[in-house]
Structures are given as structure tokens and as C-alpha cells.
Amino acid sequence: MHRRVPHQSDVKEAFVAGSALDTELIFRSLRNTARVASNAVSREVVEILNRGGQFEDLKDLVAGTRGVKVYEIGDLDAGIWSVGAAMGLSNDSPTVGDLVSRIVEEAEELITCRLPDMVEPEAEENVA
């Protein structure tokens, strides 16, 4: 059975289409830096912090209950959503099973094609 993470397709598409330039670093002045997708909310957070704002001034904007709506309803401007520096490095959004299969296939190809001298032939087990 293939199941996808319950994020809306708009969020996945934005993550794949975006780049590190489509992110904001927030909370730097609070010494708790986080990389989030650039959207109306994250840009407002950055503006407030750049004017000397404190967490109390933006807590409603960054509340988890608000951010979860991004994933629940697919509205990219509903709140902040963490993306990390990997945003834009993905070319697609496969299921976990497909991703693991792809990793295994690529590893096997790498080992057999590029590293054959490093692999010892399987020896028959000595059963006593």
C-alpha cells in the first residue's frame, strides 16, 4: 500500500519548484534561527524583527496552530512552514516506498559499476 504524507499537493509542488532563495531566515535576532518558506507571513515576521520586534510581537503569526493550516488546507500563506536548506533540491515527491527503492537501486548501481574492486565475491559459508 502506498501512502503519501498528508500535505496538500500545492505545498509539495512549491517545495520542489522553490530554491533556497525562496526562503526566509527568521528568529535570527532572537538567537533561534529557522529557515521557512518565503510567503506573506514569513516576510511580515522578518519586517517585525528588523524593526526590533520581539517574540511577543509575532507569536500569533508563527503559532503552530496557524502553520499547520498550510499542510491541512494547502494555503501557502496560512502560516509559516519550515523547509530547511534542501528546498529546491528535490525534483519530485515520491512515496516513501518509491524513494527507498530508488535509493537502493542507485546504491546497487554505484557499487556494481564504480566500486566492483571493493566488493568481495560471496564466499560459501563453512558449515561445521
C-alpha atoms as a PDB file:
ATOM      1  CA  MET A   1       0.000   0.000   0.000  1.00  0.00           C
ATOM      2  CA  HIS A   2       1.425   3.397  -0.996  1.00  0.00           C
ATOM      3  CA  ARG A   3       0.571   6.323   1.245  1.00  0.00           C
ATOM      4  CA  ARG A   4       1.760   9.873   0.898  1.00  0.00           C
ATOM      5  CA  VAL A   5       2.440  12.334   3.676  1.00  0.00           C
ATOM      6  CA  PRO A   6      -0.835  14.227   4.177  1.00  0.00           C
ATOM      7  CA  HIS A   7       0.435  17.536   2.810  1.00  0.00           C
ATOM      8  CA  GLN A   8      -1.546  19.214   0.109  1.00  0.00           C
ATOM      9  CA  SER A   9      -0.094  18.943  -3.397  1.00  0.00           C
ATOM     10  CA  ASP A  10       0.373  22.739  -3.530  1.00  0.00           C
ATOM     11  CA  VAL A  11       2.853  22.540  -0.645  1.00  0.00           C
ATOM     12  CA  LYS A  12       4.801  19.698  -2.283  1.00  0.00           C
ATOM     13  CA  GLU A  13       4.846  21.476  -5.628  1.00  0.00           C
ATOM     14  CA  ALA A  14       6.096  24.700  -4.015  1.00  0.00           C
ATOM     15  CA  PHE A  15       8.859  22.802  -2.212  1.00  0.00           C
ATOM     16  CA  VAL A  16      10.021  21.101  -5.414  1.00  0.00           C
ATOM     17  CA  ALA A  17       9.743  24.267  -7.535  1.00  0.00           C
ATOM     18  CA  GLY A  18      11.399  26.548  -4.986  1.00  0.00           C
ATOM     19  CA  SER A  19      15.031  27.258  -4.243  1.00  0.00           C
ATOM     20  CA  ALA A  20      16.983  28.437  -1.207  1.00  0.00           C
ATOM     21  CA  LEU A  21      16.233  31.945  -2.489  1.00  0.00           C
ATOM     22  CA  ASP A  22      12.545  31.278  -1.846  1.00  0.00           C
ATOM     23  CA  THR A  23      13.115  31.059   1.908  1.00  0.00           C
ATOM     24  CA  GLU A  24      13.433  33.429   4.837  1.00  0.00           C
ATOM     25  CA  LEU A  25      15.648  33.105   7.889  1.00  0.00           C
ATOM     26  CA  ILE A  26      13.535  34.086  10.856  1.00  0.00           C
ATOM     27  CA  PHE A  27      14.272  34.494  14.573  1.00  0.00           C
ATOM     28  CA  ARG A  28      17.951  35.339  13.959  1.00  0.00           C
ATOM     29  CA  SER A  29      17.809  38.304  16.318  1.00  0.00           C
ATOM     30  CA  LEU A  30      16.232  36.010  18.917  1.00  0.00           C
ATOM     31  CA  ARG A  31      19.115  33.518  18.526  1.00  0.00           C
ATOM     32  CA  ASN A  32      16.781  30.768  17.341  1.00  0.00           C
ATOM     33  CA  THR A  33      17.177  30.866  13.554  1.00  0.00           C
ATOM     34  CA  ALA A  34      14.796  28.860  11.397  1.00  0.00           C
ATOM     35  CA  ARG A  35      14.556  28.623   7.597  1.00  0.00           C
ATOM     36  CA  VAL A  36      10.980  28.836   6.382  1.00  0.00           C
ATOM     37  CA  ALA A  37       9.305  29.225   3.015  1.00  0.00           C
ATOM     38  CA  SER A  38       9.038  32.817   1.902  1.00  0.00           C
ATOM     39  CA  ASN A  39       5.403  33.875   2.000  1.00  0.00           C
ATOM     40  CA  ALA A  40       3.313  36.788   3.229  1.00  0.00           C
ATOM     41  CA  VAL A  41       3.545  35.646   6.860  1.00  0.00           C
ATOM     42  CA  SER A  42       7.292  34.964   6.930  1.00  0.00           C
ATOM     43  CA  ARG A  43       8.031  38.301   5.252  1.00  0.00           C
ATOM     44  CA  GLU A  44       5.889  40.058   7.874  1.00  0.00           C
ATOM     45  CA  VAL A  45       7.812  38.229  10.625  1.00  0.00           C
ATOM     46  CA  VAL A  46      11.120  39.394   9.121  1.00  0.00           C
ATOM     47  CA  GLU A  47       9.856  43.004   8.920  1.00  0.00           C
ATOM     48  CA  ILE A  48       8.737  42.984  12.565  1.00  0.00           C
ATOM     49  CA  LEU A  49      12.068  41.555  13.723  1.00  0.00           C
ATOM     50  CA  ASN A  50      14.028  44.024  11.568  1.00  0.00           C
ATOM     51  CA  ARG A  51      12.193  46.858  13.368  1.00  0.00           C
ATOM     52  CA  GLY A  52      13.358  45.444  16.705  1.00  0.00           C
ATOM     53  CA  GLY A  53      10.295  43.363  17.456  1.00  0.00           C
ATOM     54  CA  GLN A  54      10.375  40.569  19.993  1.00  0.00           C
ATOM     55  CA  PHE A  55       8.712  37.165  20.076  1.00  0.00           C
ATOM     56  CA  GLU A  56       5.670  38.610  21.842  1.00  0.00           C
ATOM     57  CA  ASP A  57       5.106  40.828  18.773  1.00  0.00           C
ATOM     58  CA  LEU A  58       4.913  37.913  16.350  1.00  0.00           C
ATOM     59  CA  LYS A  59       3.815  34.904  18.364  1.00  0.00           C
ATOM     60  CA  ASP A  60       0.385  34.850  16.718  1.00  0.00           C
ATOM     61  CA  LEU A  61       1.972  34.874  13.253  1.00  0.00           C
ATOM     62  CA  VAL A  62       4.274  31.934  13.988  1.00  0.00           C
ATOM     63  CA  ALA A  63       1.908  29.838  16.101  1.00  0.00           C
ATOM     64  CA  GLY A  64       1.962  26.166  15.207  1.00  0.00           C
ATOM     65  CA  THR A  65      -1.819  26.083  15.073  1.00  0.00           C
ATOM     66  CA  ARG A  66      -1.621  28.627  12.264  1.00  0.00           C
ATOM     67  CA  GLY A  67       1.258  26.959  10.427  1.00  0.00           C
ATOM     68  CA  VAL A  68      -0.411  23.546  10.393  1.00  0.00           C
ATOM     69  CA  LYS A  69      -3.141  25.022   8.205  1.00  0.00           C
ATOM     70  CA  VAL A  70      -0.582  25.284   5.404  1.00  0.00           C
ATOM     71  CA  TYR A  71      -0.440  21.499   5.342  1.00  0.00           C
ATOM     72  CA  GLU A  72      -4.087  20.847   6.135  1.00  0.00           C
ATOM     73  CA  ILE A  73      -5.647  23.098   3.511  1.00  0.00           C
ATOM     74  CA  GLY A  74      -2.748  23.755   1.149  1.00  0.00           C
ATOM     75  CA  ASP A  75      -2.812  27.545   1.602  1.00  0.00           C
ATOM     76  CA  LEU A  76       0.852  28.537   1.302  1.00  0.00           C
ATOM     77  CA  ASP A  77       0.178  31.884   3.037  1.00  0.00           C
ATOM     78  CA  ALA A  78      -1.777  30.465   6.001  1.00  0.00           C
ATOM     79  CA  GLY A  79       1.310  30.493   8.260  1.00  0.00           C
ATOM     80  CA  ILE A  80       5.000  29.748   8.330  1.00  0.00           C
ATOM     81  CA  TRP A  81       6.253  26.353   7.190  1.00  0.00           C
ATOM     82  CA  SER A  82       9.760  25.062   7.724  1.00  0.00           C
ATOM     83  CA  VAL A  83      11.657  23.986   4.642  1.00  0.00           C
ATOM     84  CA  GLY A  84      15.339  23.790   5.500  1.00  0.00           C
ATOM     85  CA  ALA A  85      18.164  24.367   3.042  1.00  0.00           C
ATOM     86  CA  ALA A  86      17.008  21.427   0.912  1.00  0.00           C
ATOM     87  CA  MET A  87      14.188  23.405  -0.677  1.00  0.00           C
ATOM     88  CA  GLY A  88      14.595  23.189  -4.414  1.00  0.00           C
ATOM     89  CA  LEU A  89      16.994  20.240  -4.312  1.00  0.00           C
ATOM     90  CA  SER A  90      14.169  17.756  -4.881  1.00  0.00           C
ATOM     91  CA  ASN A  91      12.956  17.006  -8.387  1.00  0.00           C
ATOM     92  CA  ASP A  92       9.776  15.216  -7.336  1.00  0.00           C
ATOM     93  CA  SER A  93       7.850  13.994  -4.297  1.00  0.00           C
ATOM     94  CA  PRO A  94       7.747  10.190  -4.421  1.00  0.00           C
ATOM     95  CA  THR A  95       6.109   7.936  -1.864  1.00  0.00           C
ATOM     96  CA  VAL A  96       8.433   6.670   0.872  1.00  0.00           C
ATOM     97  CA  GLY A  97       8.436   3.200  -0.701  1.00  0.00           C
ATOM     98  CA  ASP A  98       9.374   4.593  -4.111  1.00  0.00           C
ATOM     99  CA  LEU A  99      12.094   6.738  -2.556  1.00  0.00           C
ATOM    100  CA  VAL A 100      13.636   3.805  -0.659  1.00  0.00           C
ATOM    101  CA  SER A 101      13.519   1.633  -3.809  1.00  0.00           C
ATOM    102  CA  ARG A 102      15.243   4.399  -5.769  1.00  0.00           C
ATOM    103  CA  ILE A 103      17.964   4.771  -3.126  1.00  0.00           C
ATOM    104  CA  VAL A 104      18.601   1.010  -3.084  1.00  0.00           C
ATOM    105  CA  GLU A 105      18.747   0.827  -6.897  1.00  0.00           C
ATOM    106  CA  GLU A 106      21.161   3.761  -7.078  1.00  0.00           C
ATOM    107  CA  ALA A 107      23.351   2.258  -4.348  1.00  0.00           C
ATOM    108  CA  GLU A 108      23.464  -1.116  -6.111  1.00  0.00           C
ATOM    109  CA  GLU A 109      24.364   0.565  -9.400  1.00  0.00           C
ATOM    110  CA  LEU A 110      27.091   2.620  -7.750  1.00  0.00           C
ATOM    111  CA  ILE A 111      28.583  -0.441  -6.065  1.00  0.00           C
ATOM    112  CA  THR A 112      28.490  -2.703  -9.109  1.00  0.00           C
ATOM    113  CA  CYS A 113      29.550  -0.131 -11.701  1.00  0.00           C
ATOM    114  CA  ARG A 114      32.019   2.106  -9.890  1.00  0.00           C
ATOM    115  CA  LEU A 115      33.267   0.052  -6.972  1.00  0.00           C
ATOM    116  CA  PRO A 116      33.480  -3.549  -8.186  1.00  0.00           C
ATOM    117  CA  ASP A 117      37.036  -3.975  -6.884  1.00  0.00           C
ATOM    118  CA  MET A 118      35.908  -3.091  -3.380  1.00  0.00           C
ATOM    119  CA  VAL A 119      33.284  -5.858  -3.245  1.00  0.00           C
ATOM    120  CA  GLU A 120      34.457  -9.307  -2.294  1.00  0.00           C
ATOM    121  CA  PRO A 121      32.785 -12.197  -4.069  1.00  0.00           C
ATOM    122  CA  GLU A 122      30.388 -14.012  -1.781  1.00  0.00           C
ATOM    123  CA  ALA A 123      32.222 -16.882  -0.145  1.00  0.00           C
ATOM    124  CA  GLU A 124      30.472 -20.132   0.575  1.00  0.00           C
ATOM    125  CA  GLU A 125      29.696 -20.433   4.241  1.00  0.00           C
ATOM    126  CA  ASN A 126      31.581 -23.081   6.171  1.00  0.00           C
ATOM    127  CA  VAL A 127      29.001 -25.081   7.998  1.00  0.00           C
ATOM    128  CA  ALA A 128      30.555 -27.401  10.559  1.00  0.00           C
END
